[in-house]
Amino acid sequence: MVHDGGPRVGRAARCARRFPDAHVVVFGHSHIPVNEPGVPGQLLFNPGSPTQRRSQPVRTFGRLLLESGEIRRREIVPLG
């Protein structure tokens, strides 16, 4: 988990370099929800914000279900 995933352009490669052994990189700062694959075998996940939507249409939070070391479910949940 890291506060800032940096600019969208180049994020997947940057996260792979910074966290080469991570299967999931959870990041924030921008309040922009992200739920997408990075480099093969890595998930990039930003839950957004349940309190400050900033430029987003709705507030959000993220939910990850992990079971036996595997991601079983991943979702961005809109509020309101």
PDB file of N, CA and C in Angstrom:
ATOM      1  N   MET A   1       0.855  -1.163   0.000  1.00  0.00           N
ATOM      2  CA  MET A   1       0.000   0.000   0.000  1.00  0.00           C
ATOM      3  C   MET A   1       0.904   1.230   0.000  1.00  0.00           C
ATOM      4  N   VAL A   2       0.563   2.158  -0.864  1.00  0.00           N
ATOM      5  CA  VAL A   2       1.358   3.376  -1.005  1.00  0.00           C
ATOM      6  C   VAL A   2       0.396   4.552  -1.174  1.00  0.00           C
ATOM      7  N   HIS A   3       0.776   5.704  -0.698  1.00  0.00           N
ATOM      8  CA  HIS A   3      -0.109   6.859  -0.780  1.00  0.00           C
ATOM      9  C   HIS A   3      -0.345   7.292  -2.223  1.00  0.00           C
ATOM     10  N   ASP A   4       0.690   7.420  -3.011  1.00  0.00           N
ATOM     11  CA  ASP A   4       0.554   8.006  -4.346  1.00  0.00           C
ATOM     12  C   ASP A   4       1.065   7.050  -5.410  1.00  0.00           C
ATOM     13  N   GLY A   5       0.186   6.698  -6.346  1.00  0.00           N
ATOM     14  CA  GLY A   5       0.591   5.848  -7.463  1.00  0.00           C
ATOM     15  C   GLY A   5       1.203   6.633  -8.605  1.00  0.00           C
ATOM     16  N   GLY A   6       1.232   7.966  -8.485  1.00  0.00           N
ATOM     17  CA  GLY A   6       1.806   8.810  -9.527  1.00  0.00           C
ATOM     18  C   GLY A   6       0.858   9.004 -10.700  1.00  0.00           C
ATOM     19  N   PRO A   7       1.337   9.664 -11.754  1.00  0.00           N
ATOM     20  CA  PRO A   7       0.498   9.917 -12.932  1.00  0.00           C
ATOM     21  C   PRO A   7       0.002   8.621 -13.565  1.00  0.00           C
ATOM     22  N   ARG A   8      -1.164   8.690 -14.191  1.00  0.00           N
ATOM     23  CA  ARG A   8      -1.756   7.503 -14.836  1.00  0.00           C
ATOM     24  C   ARG A   8      -0.816   6.925 -15.885  1.00  0.00           C
ATOM     25  N   VAL A   9      -0.257   7.798 -16.711  1.00  0.00           N
ATOM     26  CA  VAL A   9       0.656   7.338 -17.760  1.00  0.00           C
ATOM     27  C   VAL A   9       1.921   6.774 -17.113  1.00  0.00           C
ATOM     28  N   GLY A  10       2.207   5.532 -17.404  1.00  0.00           N
ATOM     29  CA  GLY A  10       3.397   4.877 -16.858  1.00  0.00           C
ATOM     30  C   GLY A  10       3.221   4.245 -15.498  1.00  0.00           C
ATOM     31  N   ARG A  11       2.016   4.301 -14.933  1.00  0.00           N
ATOM     32  CA  ARG A  11       1.792   3.784 -13.578  1.00  0.00           C
ATOM     33  C   ARG A  11       2.087   2.285 -13.465  1.00  0.00           C
ATOM     34  N   ALA A  12       1.627   1.494 -14.420  1.00  0.00           N
ATOM     35  CA  ALA A  12       1.813   0.041 -14.331  1.00  0.00           C
ATOM     36  C   ALA A  12       3.300  -0.317 -14.268  1.00  0.00           C
ATOM     37  N   ALA A  13       4.088   0.257 -15.144  1.00  0.00           N
ATOM     38  CA  ALA A  13       5.523  -0.042 -15.148  1.00  0.00           C
ATOM     39  C   ALA A  13       6.197   0.480 -13.883  1.00  0.00           C
ATOM     40  N   ARG A  14       5.798   1.654 -13.439  1.00  0.00           N
ATOM     41  CA  ARG A  14       6.381   2.255 -12.232  1.00  0.00           C
ATOM     42  C   ARG A  14       6.077   1.394 -11.003  1.00  0.00           C
ATOM     43  N   CYS A  15       4.837   0.947 -10.858  1.00  0.00           N
ATOM     44  CA  CYS A  15       4.471   0.105  -9.710  1.00  0.00           C
ATOM     45  C   CYS A  15       5.192  -1.236  -9.774  1.00  0.00           C
ATOM     46  N   ALA A  16       5.352  -1.777 -10.962  1.00  0.00           N
ATOM     47  CA  ALA A  16       6.072  -3.049 -11.109  1.00  0.00           C
ATOM     48  C   ALA A  16       7.529  -2.890 -10.682  1.00  0.00           C
ATOM     49  N   ARG A  17       8.137  -1.756 -11.017  1.00  0.00           N
ATOM     50  CA  ARG A  17       9.537  -1.519 -10.598  1.00  0.00           C
ATOM     51  C   ARG A  17       9.637  -1.321  -9.090  1.00  0.00           C
ATOM     52  N   ARG A  18       8.700  -0.556  -8.526  1.00  0.00           N
ATOM     53  CA  ARG A  18       8.748  -0.260  -7.093  1.00  0.00           C
ATOM     54  C   ARG A  18       8.360  -1.449  -6.233  1.00  0.00           C
ATOM     55  N   PHE A  19       7.437  -2.259  -6.721  1.00  0.00           N
ATOM     56  CA  PHE A  19       6.897  -3.377  -5.940  1.00  0.00           C
ATOM     57  C   PHE A  19       6.905  -4.658  -6.778  1.00  0.00           C
ATOM     58  N   PRO A  20       8.086  -5.142  -7.160  1.00  0.00           N
ATOM     59  CA  PRO A  20       8.163  -6.260  -8.097  1.00  0.00           C
ATOM     60  C   PRO A  20       7.550  -7.563  -7.586  1.00  0.00           C
ATOM     61  N   ASP A  21       7.450  -7.738  -6.279  1.00  0.00           N
ATOM     62  CA  ASP A  21       6.909  -8.982  -5.731  1.00  0.00           C
ATOM     63  C   ASP A  21       5.449  -8.878  -5.323  1.00  0.00           C
ATOM     64  N   ALA A  22       4.841  -7.694  -5.487  1.00  0.00           N
ATOM     65  CA  ALA A  22       3.451  -7.483  -5.062  1.00  0.00           C
ATOM     66  C   ALA A  22       2.471  -7.998  -6.111  1.00  0.00           C
ATOM     67  N   HIS A  23       1.448  -8.675  -5.647  1.00  0.00           N
ATOM     68  CA  HIS A  23       0.361  -9.097  -6.529  1.00  0.00           C
ATOM     69  C   HIS A  23      -0.698  -8.001  -6.637  1.00  0.00           C
ATOM     70  N   VAL A  24      -0.801  -7.178  -5.569  1.00  0.00           N
ATOM     71  CA  VAL A  24      -1.751  -6.072  -5.538  1.00  0.00           C
ATOM     72  C   VAL A  24      -1.015  -4.829  -5.042  1.00  0.00           C
ATOM     73  N   VAL A  25      -1.195  -3.711  -5.741  1.00  0.00           N
ATOM     74  CA  VAL A  25      -0.690  -2.426  -5.273  1.00  0.00           C
ATOM     75  C   VAL A  25      -1.907  -1.541  -5.017  1.00  0.00           C
ATOM     76  N   VAL A  26      -2.128  -1.217  -3.730  1.00  0.00           N
ATOM     77  CA  VAL A  26      -3.223  -0.337  -3.342  1.00  0.00           C
ATOM     78  C   VAL A  26      -2.628   1.044  -3.142  1.00  0.00           C
ATOM     79  N   PHE A  27      -3.237   2.037  -3.774  1.00  0.00           N
ATOM     80  CA  PHE A  27      -2.715   3.399  -3.667  1.00  0.00           C
ATOM     81  C   PHE A  27      -3.860   4.382  -3.563  1.00  0.00           C
ATOM     82  N   GLY A  28      -3.551   5.625  -3.243  1.00  0.00           N
ATOM     83  CA  GLY A  28      -4.577   6.640  -3.078  1.00  0.00           C
ATOM     84  C   GLY A  28      -4.094   7.976  -3.592  1.00  0.00           C
ATOM     85  N   HIS A  29      -4.333   9.001  -2.830  1.00  0.00           N
ATOM     86  CA  HIS A  29      -3.948  10.383  -3.076  1.00  0.00           C
ATOM     87  C   HIS A  29      -4.868  11.098  -4.060  1.00  0.00           C
ATOM     88  N   SER A  30      -5.097  10.547  -5.214  1.00  0.00           N
ATOM     89  CA  SER A  30      -5.848  11.247  -6.260  1.00  0.00           C
ATOM     90  C   SER A  30      -7.361  11.223  -6.038  1.00  0.00           C
ATOM     91  N   HIS A  31      -7.861  10.272  -5.262  1.00  0.00           N
ATOM     92  CA  HIS A  31      -9.299  10.049  -5.058  1.00  0.00           C
ATOM     93  C   HIS A  31      -9.977   9.557  -6.340  1.00  0.00           C
ATOM     94  N   ILE A  32      -9.204   9.150  -7.327  1.00  0.00           N
ATOM     95  CA  ILE A  32      -9.752   8.631  -8.579  1.00  0.00           C
ATOM     96  C   ILE A  32      -9.737   7.104  -8.506  1.00  0.00           C
ATOM     97  N   PRO A  33     -10.904   6.463  -8.510  1.00  0.00           N
ATOM     98  CA  PRO A  33     -10.947   5.010  -8.400  1.00  0.00           C
ATOM     99  C   PRO A  33     -10.228   4.317  -9.566  1.00  0.00           C
ATOM    100  N   VAL A  34      -9.471   3.279  -9.231  1.00  0.00           N
ATOM    101  CA  VAL A  34      -8.767   2.466 -10.227  1.00  0.00           C
ATOM    102  C   VAL A  34      -8.911   1.007  -9.805  1.00  0.00           C
ATOM    103  N   ASN A  35      -9.265   0.162 -10.740  1.00  0.00           N
ATOM    104  CA  ASN A  35      -9.376  -1.280 -10.508  1.00  0.00           C
ATOM    105  C   ASN A  35      -8.999  -1.931 -11.827  1.00  0.00           C
ATOM    106  N   GLU A  36      -7.699  -2.070 -12.058  1.00  0.00           N
ATOM    107  CA  GLU A  36      -7.259  -2.529 -13.373  1.00  0.00           C
ATOM    108  C   GLU A  36      -5.969  -3.333 -13.261  1.00  0.00           C
ATOM    109  N   PRO A  37      -5.725  -4.182 -14.239  1.00  0.00           N
ATOM    110  CA  PRO A  37      -4.469  -4.922 -14.236  1.00  0.00           C
ATOM    111  C   PRO A  37      -3.304  -3.993 -14.526  1.00  0.00           C
ATOM    112  N   GLY A  38      -2.188  -4.271 -13.883  1.00  0.00           N
ATOM    113  CA  GLY A  38      -0.934  -3.590 -14.188  1.00  0.00           C
ATOM    114  C   GLY A  38      -0.137  -4.495 -15.104  1.00  0.00           C
ATOM    115  N   VAL A  39       1.101  -4.757 -14.725  1.00  0.00           N
ATOM    116  CA  VAL A  39       1.885  -5.738 -15.481  1.00  0.00           C
ATOM    117  C   VAL A  39       1.270  -7.104 -15.207  1.00  0.00           C
ATOM    118  N   PRO A  40       1.513  -8.082 -16.054  1.00  0.00           N
ATOM    119  CA  PRO A  40       0.916  -9.394 -15.817  1.00  0.00           C
ATOM    120  C   PRO A  40       1.159  -9.890 -14.387  1.00  0.00           C
ATOM    121  N   GLY A  41       0.066 -10.293 -13.751  1.00  0.00           N
ATOM    122  CA  GLY A  41       0.150 -10.814 -12.395  1.00  0.00           C
ATOM    123  C   GLY A  41       0.033  -9.763 -11.314  1.00  0.00           C
ATOM    124  N   GLN A  42      -0.163  -8.493 -11.671  1.00  0.00           N
ATOM    125  CA  GLN A  42      -0.272  -7.433 -10.671  1.00  0.00           C
ATOM    126  C   GLN A  42      -1.572  -6.650 -10.880  1.00  0.00           C
ATOM    127  N   LEU A  43      -2.263  -6.347  -9.785  1.00  0.00           N
ATOM    128  CA  LEU A  43      -3.484  -5.558  -9.805  1.00  0.00           C
ATOM    129  C   LEU A  43      -3.182  -4.176  -9.248  1.00  0.00           C
ATOM    130  N   LEU A  44      -3.669  -3.136  -9.909  1.00  0.00           N
ATOM    131  CA  LEU A  44      -3.565  -1.766  -9.425  1.00  0.00           C
ATOM    132  C   LEU A  44      -4.933  -1.361  -8.912  1.00  0.00           C
ATOM    133  N   PHE A  45      -4.988  -0.897  -7.653  1.00  0.00           N
ATOM    134  CA  PHE A  45      -6.277  -0.656  -7.007  1.00  0.00           C
ATOM    135  C   PHE A  45      -6.237   0.624  -6.185  1.00  0.00           C
ATOM    136  N   ASN A  46      -7.102   1.569  -6.542  1.00  0.00           N
ATOM    137  CA  ASN A  46      -7.295   2.796  -5.776  1.00  0.00           C
ATOM    138  C   ASN A  46      -8.776   2.846  -5.430  1.00  0.00           C
ATOM    139  N   PRO A  47      -9.126   2.811  -4.148  1.00  0.00           N
ATOM    140  CA  PRO A  47     -10.532   2.760  -3.773  1.00  0.00           C
ATOM    141  C   PRO A  47     -11.302   4.062  -3.981  1.00  0.00           C
ATOM    142  N   GLY A  48     -10.623   5.136  -4.353  1.00  0.00           N
ATOM    143  CA  GLY A  48     -11.291   6.429  -4.449  1.00  0.00           C
ATOM    144  C   GLY A  48     -11.416   7.017  -3.064  1.00  0.00           C
ATOM    145  N   SER A  49     -12.518   7.688  -2.780  1.00  0.00           N
ATOM    146  CA  SER A  49     -12.714   8.297  -1.459  1.00  0.00           C
ATOM    147  C   SER A  49     -14.191   8.274  -1.070  1.00  0.00           C
ATOM    148  N   PRO A  50     -14.488   7.803   0.148  1.00  0.00           N
ATOM    149  CA  PRO A  50     -15.869   7.839   0.620  1.00  0.00           C
ATOM    150  C   PRO A  50     -16.263   9.210   1.165  1.00  0.00           C
ATOM    151  N   THR A  51     -15.302  10.120   1.300  1.00  0.00           N
ATOM    152  CA  THR A  51     -15.595  11.417   1.914  1.00  0.00           C
ATOM    153  C   THR A  51     -15.449  12.598   0.957  1.00  0.00           C
ATOM    154  N   GLN A  52     -14.429  12.592   0.117  1.00  0.00           N
ATOM    155  CA  GLN A  52     -14.198  13.710  -0.798  1.00  0.00           C
ATOM    156  C   GLN A  52     -14.133  13.197  -2.223  1.00  0.00           C
ATOM    157  N   ARG A  53     -15.143  13.478  -3.003  1.00  0.00           N
ATOM    158  CA  ARG A  53     -15.176  12.945  -4.365  1.00  0.00           C
ATOM    159  C   ARG A  53     -14.317  13.756  -5.318  1.00  0.00           C
ATOM    160  N   ARG A  54     -13.952  14.963  -4.940  1.00  0.00           N
ATOM    161  CA  ARG A  54     -13.181  15.883  -5.784  1.00  0.00           C
ATOM    162  C   ARG A  54     -13.778  15.935  -7.182  1.00  0.00           C
ATOM    163  N   SER A  55     -13.064  15.541  -8.205  1.00  0.00           N
ATOM    164  CA  SER A  55     -13.578  15.664  -9.579  1.00  0.00           C
ATOM    165  C   SER A  55     -14.402  14.457 -10.026  1.00  0.00           C
ATOM    166  N   GLN A  56     -14.589  13.494  -9.149  1.00  0.00           N
ATOM    167  CA  GLN A  56     -15.329  12.285  -9.515  1.00  0.00           C
ATOM    168  C   GLN A  56     -16.834  12.494  -9.375  1.00  0.00           C
ATOM    169  N   PRO A  57     -17.643  11.776 -10.141  1.00  0.00           N
ATOM    170  CA  PRO A  57     -19.097  11.978 -10.073  1.00  0.00           C
ATOM    171  C   PRO A  57     -19.722  11.541  -8.745  1.00  0.00           C
ATOM    172  N   VAL A  58     -19.140  10.525  -8.098  1.00  0.00           N
ATOM    173  CA  VAL A  58     -19.666  10.038  -6.813  1.00  0.00           C
ATOM    174  C   VAL A  58     -18.511   9.666  -5.889  1.00  0.00           C
ATOM    175  N   ARG A  59     -18.822   9.598  -4.607  1.00  0.00           N
ATOM    176  CA  ARG A  59     -17.858   9.093  -3.628  1.00  0.00           C
ATOM    177  C   ARG A  59     -17.808   7.565  -3.755  1.00  0.00           C
ATOM    178  N   THR A  60     -16.668   6.969  -3.436  1.00  0.00           N
ATOM    179  CA  THR A  60     -16.517   5.514  -3.578  1.00  0.00           C
ATOM    180  C   THR A  60     -15.674   4.929  -2.447  1.00  0.00           C
ATOM    181  N   PHE A  61     -15.766   3.624  -2.324  1.00  0.00           N
ATOM    182  CA  PHE A  61     -14.800   2.875  -1.520  1.00  0.00           C
ATOM    183  C   PHE A  61     -14.504   1.588  -2.259  1.00  0.00           C
ATOM    184  N   GLY A  62     -13.427   0.934  -1.886  1.00  0.00           N
ATOM    185  CA  GLY A  62     -13.028  -0.298  -2.558  1.00  0.00           C
ATOM    186  C   GLY A  62     -13.192  -1.498  -1.658  1.00  0.00           C
ATOM    187  N   ARG A  63     -13.432  -2.620  -2.292  1.00  0.00           N
ATOM    188  CA  ARG A  63     -13.554  -3.870  -1.542  1.00  0.00           C
ATOM    189  C   ARG A  63     -12.751  -4.935  -2.269  1.00  0.00           C
ATOM    190  N   LEU A  64     -11.834  -5.555  -1.539  1.00  0.00           N
ATOM    191  CA  LEU A  64     -11.051  -6.679  -2.062  1.00  0.00           C
ATOM    192  C   LEU A  64     -11.342  -7.890  -1.194  1.00  0.00           C
ATOM    193  N   LEU A  65     -11.690  -8.995  -1.811  1.00  0.00           N
ATOM    194  CA  LEU A  65     -11.885 -10.242  -1.081  1.00  0.00           C
ATOM    195  C   LEU A  65     -10.730 -11.160  -1.435  1.00  0.00           C
ATOM    196  N   LEU A  66      -9.932 -11.477  -0.433  1.00  0.00           N
ATOM    197  CA  LEU A  66      -8.787 -12.367  -0.611  1.00  0.00           C
ATOM    198  C   LEU A  66      -9.072 -13.668   0.114  1.00  0.00           C
ATOM    199  N   GLU A  67      -8.774 -14.767  -0.547  1.00  0.00           N
ATOM    200  CA  GLU A  67      -9.027 -16.071   0.038  1.00  0.00           C
ATOM    201  C   GLU A  67      -7.925 -17.027  -0.382  1.00  0.00           C
ATOM    202  N   SER A  68      -7.287 -17.637   0.587  1.00  0.00           N
ATOM    203  CA  SER A  68      -6.190 -18.573   0.316  1.00  0.00           C
ATOM    204  C   SER A  68      -5.121 -17.956  -0.580  1.00  0.00           C
ATOM    205  N   GLY A  69      -4.826 -16.674  -0.320  1.00  0.00           N
ATOM    206  CA  GLY A  69      -3.782 -16.002  -1.076  1.00  0.00           C
ATOM    207  C   GLY A  69      -4.175 -15.567  -2.480  1.00  0.00           C
ATOM    208  N   GLU A  70      -5.445 -15.691  -2.834  1.00  0.00           N
ATOM    209  CA  GLU A  70      -5.926 -15.323  -4.167  1.00  0.00           C
ATOM    210  C   GLU A  70      -6.959 -14.206  -4.069  1.00  0.00           C
ATOM    211  N   ILE A  71      -7.009 -13.360  -5.075  1.00  0.00           N
ATOM    212  CA  ILE A  71      -8.046 -12.336  -5.156  1.00  0.00           C
ATOM    213  C   ILE A  71      -9.307 -13.008  -5.672  1.00  0.00           C
ATOM    214  N   ARG A  72     -10.340 -13.048  -4.850  1.00  0.00           N
ATOM    215  CA  ARG A  72     -11.598 -13.675  -5.249  1.00  0.00           C
ATOM    216  C   ARG A  72     -12.587 -12.652  -5.811  1.00  0.00           C
ATOM    217  N   ARG A  73     -12.486 -11.416  -5.308  1.00  0.00           N
ATOM    218  CA  ARG A  73     -13.422 -10.379  -5.759  1.00  0.00           C
ATOM    219  C   ARG A  73     -12.740  -9.036  -5.577  1.00  0.00           C
ATOM    220  N   ARG A  74     -12.951  -8.143  -6.539  1.00  0.00           N
ATOM    221  CA  ARG A  74     -12.407  -6.796  -6.454  1.00  0.00           C
ATOM    222  C   ARG A  74     -13.429  -5.848  -7.024  1.00  0.00           C
ATOM    223  N   GLU A  75     -13.762  -4.814  -6.284  1.00  0.00           N
ATOM    224  CA  GLU A  75     -14.773  -3.903  -6.786  1.00  0.00           C
ATOM    225  C   GLU A  75     -14.619  -2.515  -6.193  1.00  0.00           C
ATOM    226  N   ILE A  76     -15.039  -1.540  -6.981  1.00  0.00           N
ATOM    227  CA  ILE A  76     -15.181  -0.168  -6.534  1.00  0.00           C
ATOM    228  C   ILE A  76     -16.670   0.030  -6.288  1.00  0.00           C
ATOM    229  N   VAL A  77     -17.010   0.450  -5.078  1.00  0.00           N
ATOM    230  CA  VAL A  77     -18.418   0.581  -4.682  1.00  0.00           C
ATOM    231  C   VAL A  77     -18.791   2.069  -4.662  1.00  0.00           C
ATOM    232  N   PRO A  78     -19.731   2.486  -5.502  1.00  0.00           N
ATOM    233  CA  PRO A  78     -20.178   3.880  -5.481  1.00  0.00           C
ATOM    234  C   PRO A  78     -21.099   4.139  -4.297  1.00  0.00           C
ATOM    235  N   LEU A  79     -21.015   5.327  -3.740  1.00  0.00           N
ATOM    236  CA  LEU A  79     -21.888   5.744  -2.644  1.00  0.00           C
ATOM    237  C   LEU A  79     -22.818   6.833  -3.137  1.00  0.00           C
ATOM    238  N   GLY A  80     -24.069   6.725  -2.784  1.00  0.00           N
ATOM    239  CA  GLY A  80     -25.030   7.773  -3.115  1.00  0.00           C
ATOM    240  C   GLY A  80     -25.450   7.739  -4.514  1.00  0.00           C
TER     241      GLY A  80
END
